[in-house]
Amino acid sequence: MGRTTTNGQLSADTQERAREGVEHLQTAARELIEAARAALDVAEEWVNDPESVASLAGTLMSVGDVARRVVGTGGWPQPQHAPSAHQPSPYEAEPRVQRITVS
C-alpha cells in the first residue's frame, strides 16, 4: 500500500499523495456536477419550448433512419425501373446470413 513508520502510521509522503488524490477526485466530482447542471438546464429549455422538442424529435428520427440504413434493416428505396439482371446497388447491404447446402 504505502510506506509506514515504525508505529504503523503512513509516512508523510504517502499521506501527501493520498491528500492530492482526494483533491483530484473532488475536482472531478465538481466538474461532473457542473456538467449535469448544464445538461438539466438544456433539458428544461426543451421541455418549456414545444417547438424545440418537436425539432429534437425530428432530428432523432432522422438519425434513426440513417442508423437503420447503415445496419441494413431499413434500406434505401429501390428504383422503379429495375434492370433485368440484378445489379447490387452500392447502398444495398450484404446479406447477413449465408445459406450453405450440405450434401
Protein backbone atom coordinates (compact mmCIF):
# COMPACT_ATOMS: atom_id res chain seq x y z
CA MET A 1 0.00 0.00 0.00
CA GLY A 2 2.36 2.75 1.11
CA ARG A 3 5.29 3.27 3.38
CA THR A 4 4.56 3.25 7.07
CA THR A 5 6.54 4.44 10.02
CA THR A 6 7.60 2.17 12.86
CA ASN A 7 4.43 2.96 14.81
CA GLY A 8 2.19 1.85 11.91
CA GLN A 9 1.27 5.33 10.64
CA LEU A 10 1.53 6.29 6.95
CA SER A 11 4.62 8.25 6.05
CA ALA A 12 4.30 11.97 5.36
CA ASP A 13 4.99 11.36 1.65
CA THR A 14 2.22 8.76 1.41
CA GLN A 15 -0.21 11.00 3.30
CA GLU A 16 0.56 13.88 0.92
CA ARG A 17 -0.03 11.70 -2.16
CA ALA A 18 -3.31 10.45 -0.67
CA ARG A 19 -4.41 14.05 0.02
CA GLU A 20 -3.59 15.03 -3.58
CA GLY A 21 -5.56 12.06 -4.87
CA VAL A 22 -8.61 13.08 -2.84
CA GLU A 23 -8.31 16.65 -4.15
CA HIS A 24 -8.27 15.40 -7.75
CA LEU A 25 -11.35 13.26 -7.09
CA GLN A 26 -13.15 16.23 -5.55
CA THR A 27 -12.30 18.40 -8.56
CA ALA A 28 -13.58 15.72 -10.94
CA ALA A 29 -16.79 15.34 -8.93
CA ARG A 30 -17.38 19.12 -9.04
CA GLU A 31 -16.91 19.11 -12.83
CA LEU A 32 -19.38 16.22 -13.20
CA ILE A 33 -21.92 18.10 -11.09
CA GLU A 34 -21.43 21.22 -13.21
CA ALA A 35 -21.90 19.21 -16.42
CA ALA A 36 -25.06 17.60 -15.05
CA ARG A 37 -26.47 21.01 -14.15
CA ALA A 38 -25.78 22.29 -17.67
CA ALA A 39 -27.50 19.23 -19.18
CA LEU A 40 -30.51 19.74 -16.90
CA ASP A 41 -30.71 23.41 -17.94
CA VAL A 42 -30.83 22.37 -21.60
CA ALA A 43 -33.44 19.70 -20.84
CA GLU A 44 -35.57 22.27 -19.01
CA GLU A 45 -35.42 24.61 -22.01
CA TRP A 46 -36.54 21.80 -24.30
CA VAL A 47 -39.46 20.94 -22.02
CA ASN A 48 -40.54 24.59 -21.80
CA ASP A 49 -40.35 25.16 -25.58
CA PRO A 50 -42.60 22.75 -27.56
CA GLU A 51 -41.01 23.76 -30.88
CA SER A 52 -37.56 22.70 -29.69
CA VAL A 53 -38.99 19.36 -28.52
CA ALA A 54 -40.51 18.81 -31.97
CA SER A 55 -37.22 19.77 -33.59
CA LEU A 56 -35.32 17.34 -31.35
CA ALA A 57 -37.79 14.57 -32.14
CA GLY A 58 -37.37 15.21 -35.88
CA THR A 59 -33.59 15.12 -35.53
CA LEU A 60 -33.70 11.87 -33.58
CA MET A 61 -35.97 10.32 -36.21
CA SER A 62 -33.53 11.32 -38.94
CA VAL A 63 -30.62 9.84 -37.01
CA GLY A 64 -32.64 6.64 -36.52
CA ASP A 65 -33.34 6.45 -40.26
CA VAL A 66 -29.66 6.79 -41.09
CA ALA A 67 -28.74 4.17 -38.47
CA ARG A 68 -31.26 1.68 -39.91
CA ARG A 69 -29.86 2.22 -43.40
CA VAL A 70 -26.30 1.76 -42.20
CA VAL A 71 -27.03 -1.56 -40.48
CA GLY A 72 -29.18 -2.74 -43.37
CA THR A 73 -32.55 -3.06 -41.64
CA GLY A 74 -34.20 -0.10 -43.34
CA GLY A 75 -32.59 0.02 -46.74
CA TRP A 76 -32.76 2.63 -49.43
CA PRO A 77 -35.82 2.65 -51.68
CA GLN A 78 -35.37 0.53 -54.80
CA PRO A 79 -35.67 2.29 -58.17
CA GLN A 80 -38.93 1.71 -60.05
CA HIS A 81 -37.11 0.67 -63.23
CA ALA A 82 -35.01 -2.25 -62.03
CA PRO A 83 -32.58 -3.72 -64.61
CA SER A 84 -33.30 -7.18 -65.96
CA ALA A 85 -30.20 -8.74 -64.37
CA HIS A 86 -29.88 -7.92 -60.70
CA GLN A 87 -27.07 -5.42 -60.22
CA PRO A 88 -26.46 -4.78 -56.50
CA SER A 89 -26.77 -1.14 -55.59
CA PRO A 90 -23.83 0.45 -53.76
CA TYR A 91 -26.34 1.18 -51.00
CA GLU A 92 -27.61 -2.39 -50.80
CA ALA A 93 -26.48 -4.23 -47.67
CA GLU A 94 -24.69 -7.54 -47.93
CA PRO A 95 -26.81 -10.45 -46.70
CA ARG A 96 -26.13 -11.21 -43.05
CA VAL A 97 -26.80 -14.94 -43.35
CA GLN A 98 -25.31 -17.15 -45.98
CA ARG A 99 -27.04 -20.46 -46.59
CA ILE A 100 -24.72 -23.35 -47.38
CA THR A 101 -26.14 -26.58 -48.73
CA VAL A 102 -24.54 -29.66 -47.20
CA SER A 103 -24.80 -32.92 -49.13
